Amino acid sequence: MPASFPELGVEVGSATEAENAYNVTRLQIYANGVEICCVDRLAQILRINGKDYMSQINNLL
């Protein structure tokens, strides 16, 4: 879901650049069949390289 819509400026003879910001509820990245990163805002999951950082944060709360 887009967070905002960028304004595009076009000039003759120059490259056009655009940045888009998105809001996501879950981001999960795999490389060679191995989970590298999992961030889920609704389920409160923060797992990087197999280590669950959210459990440590929940213990502090």
C-alpha atoms as a PDB file:
ATOM      1  CA  MET A   1       0.000   0.000   0.000  1.00  0.00           C
ATOM      2  CA  PRO A   2       1.638   3.288  -1.036  1.00  0.00           C
ATOM      3  CA  ALA A   3       2.347   5.692   1.815  1.00  0.00           C
ATOM      4  CA  SER A   4       2.588   8.674  -0.526  1.00  0.00           C
ATOM      5  CA  PHE A   5       2.660   9.543  -4.185  1.00  0.00           C
ATOM      6  CA  PRO A   6       5.844  11.215  -5.432  1.00  0.00           C
ATOM      7  CA  GLU A   7       5.957  14.225  -7.672  1.00  0.00           C
ATOM      8  CA  LEU A   8       7.863  13.541 -10.862  1.00  0.00           C
ATOM      9  CA  GLY A   9       9.853  16.193 -12.635  1.00  0.00           C
ATOM     10  CA  VAL A  10      10.899  15.449 -16.188  1.00  0.00           C
ATOM     11  CA  GLU A  11      13.671  17.344 -17.931  1.00  0.00           C
ATOM     12  CA  VAL A  12      14.820  16.775 -21.479  1.00  0.00           C
ATOM     13  CA  GLY A  13      18.132  14.905 -21.637  1.00  0.00           C
ATOM     14  CA  SER A  14      18.232  13.819 -17.981  1.00  0.00           C
ATOM     15  CA  ALA A  15      17.239  10.650 -16.196  1.00  0.00           C
ATOM     16  CA  THR A  16      14.041  10.594 -14.179  1.00  0.00           C
ATOM     17  CA  GLU A  17      14.277   9.475 -10.561  1.00  0.00           C
ATOM     18  CA  ALA A  18      11.382   8.447  -8.370  1.00  0.00           C
ATOM     19  CA  GLU A  19      11.201   7.245  -4.783  1.00  0.00           C
ATOM     20  CA  ASN A  20       8.194   5.349  -3.501  1.00  0.00           C
ATOM     21  CA  ALA A  21       7.400   4.700   0.147  1.00  0.00           C
ATOM     22  CA  TYR A  22       5.224   1.694   1.008  1.00  0.00           C
ATOM     23  CA  ASN A  23       3.645   0.467   4.223  1.00  0.00           C
ATOM     24  CA  VAL A  24       3.771  -3.292   4.611  1.00  0.00           C
ATOM     25  CA  THR A  25       2.545  -5.543   7.385  1.00  0.00           C
ATOM     26  CA  ARG A  26       4.924  -8.433   6.617  1.00  0.00           C
ATOM     27  CA  LEU A  27       8.326  -8.615   4.954  1.00  0.00           C
ATOM     28  CA  GLN A  28       9.984 -12.005   4.541  1.00  0.00           C
ATOM     29  CA  ILE A  29      13.207 -12.463   2.581  1.00  0.00           C
ATOM     30  CA  TYR A  30      14.663 -15.817   1.525  1.00  0.00           C
ATOM     31  CA  ALA A  31      18.037 -16.501  -0.118  1.00  0.00           C
ATOM     32  CA  ASN A  32      18.849 -20.010  -1.415  1.00  0.00           C
ATOM     33  CA  GLY A  33      15.876 -21.436   0.487  1.00  0.00           C
ATOM     34  CA  VAL A  34      17.010 -19.979   3.839  1.00  0.00           C
ATOM     35  CA  GLU A  35      15.046 -17.286   5.627  1.00  0.00           C
ATOM     36  CA  ILE A  36      17.208 -14.190   6.042  1.00  0.00           C
ATOM     37  CA  CYS A  37      14.704 -11.762   7.511  1.00  0.00           C
ATOM     38  CA  CYS A  38      11.105 -11.860   8.723  1.00  0.00           C
ATOM     39  CA  VAL A  39       9.344  -8.756  10.037  1.00  0.00           C
ATOM     40  CA  ASP A  40       5.622  -8.974  10.775  1.00  0.00           C
ATOM     41  CA  ARG A  41       4.093  -5.926  12.418  1.00  0.00           C
ATOM     42  CA  LEU A  42       0.719  -7.524  13.200  1.00  0.00           C
ATOM     43  CA  ALA A  43       2.054 -10.793  14.640  1.00  0.00           C
ATOM     44  CA  GLN A  44       4.977  -8.994  16.361  1.00  0.00           C
ATOM     45  CA  ILE A  45       7.690 -11.090  14.700  1.00  0.00           C
ATOM     46  CA  LEU A  46      11.245  -9.854  14.238  1.00  0.00           C
ATOM     47  CA  ARG A  47      13.518 -12.677  13.106  1.00  0.00           C
ATOM     48  CA  ILE A  48      16.903 -12.098  11.446  1.00  0.00           C
ATOM     49  CA  ASN A  49      19.154 -15.003  10.404  1.00  0.00           C
ATOM     50  CA  GLY A  50      17.046 -17.365  12.515  1.00  0.00           C
ATOM     51  CA  LYS A  51      17.354 -15.333  15.730  1.00  0.00           C
ATOM     52  CA  ASP A  52      14.060 -14.160  17.256  1.00  0.00           C
ATOM     53  CA  TYR A  53      14.700 -10.627  18.517  1.00  0.00           C
ATOM     54  CA  MET A  54      11.061  -9.923  19.385  1.00  0.00           C
ATOM     55  CA  SER A  55      11.047 -12.512  22.185  1.00  0.00           C
ATOM     56  CA  GLN A  56      13.895 -10.613  23.835  1.00  0.00           C
ATOM     57  CA  ILE A  57      12.002  -7.334  23.469  1.00  0.00           C
ATOM     58  CA  ASN A  58       8.801  -8.862  24.887  1.00  0.00           C
ATOM     59  CA  ASN A  59      10.746 -10.093  27.929  1.00  0.00           C
ATOM     60  CA  LEU A  60      11.786  -6.493  28.636  1.00  0.00           C
ATOM     61  CA  LEU A  61       8.219  -5.170  28.442  1.00  0.00           C
END
